[in-house]
C-alpha cells in the first residue's frame, strides 16, 4: 500500500550524498579531518565570510560565539522569547542571564524597540534570530549594539541562504551560527557552523570546540601530526566529524537549487492562501532582504473562524499532511517562569504569534500535487469554519 502522507519535512538526499559518505567511510578517517576543513572553506566562500568553524550543532556554534565574546557570570544577553530553547540555554551555560524580548508587532523576529528598553549596565550582547528565514532588522540591531557597546550574534539556524542589504547572512555580524539539523535548508543530520570575519574569534572557537587543545589537534593521529598537545583552556566537545561534513559538502552544492524550489512553493502558498481572509500570511521581508523560506508560518485570524489552530492541525493530520508549531515562547515554559520570574502576558506579541501560528510543509522534494493538497485542505477548512460563511448562510 502506497503511503501518500505529506510529512512536515523530508530531507533531500540523492546519490551525491551517498557517494560522499561512502568516500569518507572508505578513507577510514571518520572524525574531524580534511573533509571538515574543506566544508569550512567552501561554506565560508558560499556566505562570503573570512572564517567558518564546523561544529556538531547550531547550539554549539552559539555557545562558542558567546565564549569568544567572553560572556560570563553576571552578564546579561538579550534574547527573543519567540525562539527555540537553544538560543537562550547557551547563555545559561556560561552563567549569564538571558533577558527575554518581545517580537515585532505582526511578526516573529525580535523587536529592536523592545530590546532597547531591556538594556541595563549588565547587558553584553544581543542574539538576533532570523525566524523562518526572514532576516531581522540588522541595521536597527547593529545601531543598538554600537550605541551600547554590545556584541551582536545572529542565530541563523533558519537563514541559509538568506541575505540582508545585498550581503549573505553569515558575512555581516561579529558572529553567525547556522544549523544543519535534519529539517534545515541543508542538512548533515546534526551539525552547525559558526562564521566570523575576526581571526581571533575563529581561532578561539576552533580551539574550544575540541577540548581547548591548541593547534590542529585532530592531526595527532595522522602522519602529519604529533602525539604532543597542550590544553590551553577548559574546552568543549563540539567538533564536526568528516562523515557529517561530507553530507554538508554535497548539500551545499545544491543549496541554491533547494532555495529556488522553496521560493516556488512559498509563492504558491502566498498567492493562493492570501485570498482567504481568515488567514494571515507570514512576513516576506522587503526589497532589502532575501527570505530563505526555511519555514512557512501561517497565522489564523481566530475571530473570523469557528474552529481553532489546533483543529486545523488535527484536520491536516487526518488528511495525511504533517505540520508543526514554531514556537512556544520561552517565557511560557516552566524553566523560565520558575528561574527568572517570567509570566504569561509579559510578551504579548510573541504570545499572539504563537497562539495563531502553524508551520506548513515546505521542502524541495514536494511536488506540485503535494502543494495543491496542502492548499486545498486549508481552503476546505476555511470554507467549513468561516464565521462569515456561517453568517451568510443563516
Foldseek 3Di string as FASTA:
>chain_A
DDAPFAALFDADDDPQLVVLLVVCVVVVAWFDDDLQVVLFVVVCVVQVADGKAKWQWLLLQLLLLCVLLVQAAQAEEEEELQADPSNQVSSVVRNYHYDYAFPDFVARWGDLVRSLVPDDLRYAAYETECPLQADDPVVSVVVSCVVNVHAYEYECQAHVQKDFQPGGPQHPGQKYKYWQDRLHLHHLNTIIMIHHNDPSSNLSSNCQCCQQKHDPVVCCPDPPHNVDIDRPDRHHNIHGISSSSSSSVSRVVCSVVFQVQLVVLLVVCCVLVVVQPQKDWHDCYDPRMHGSSSWTKIFGPVVFWQDFPVVLCVLCVVVSFHKDFRDDGNLPDPVCCVPVVRDPPPHVSSVRSRRGIMTGRGTNVDDPVNSVSVSVSVVVRCCVTGPVNVVVVD
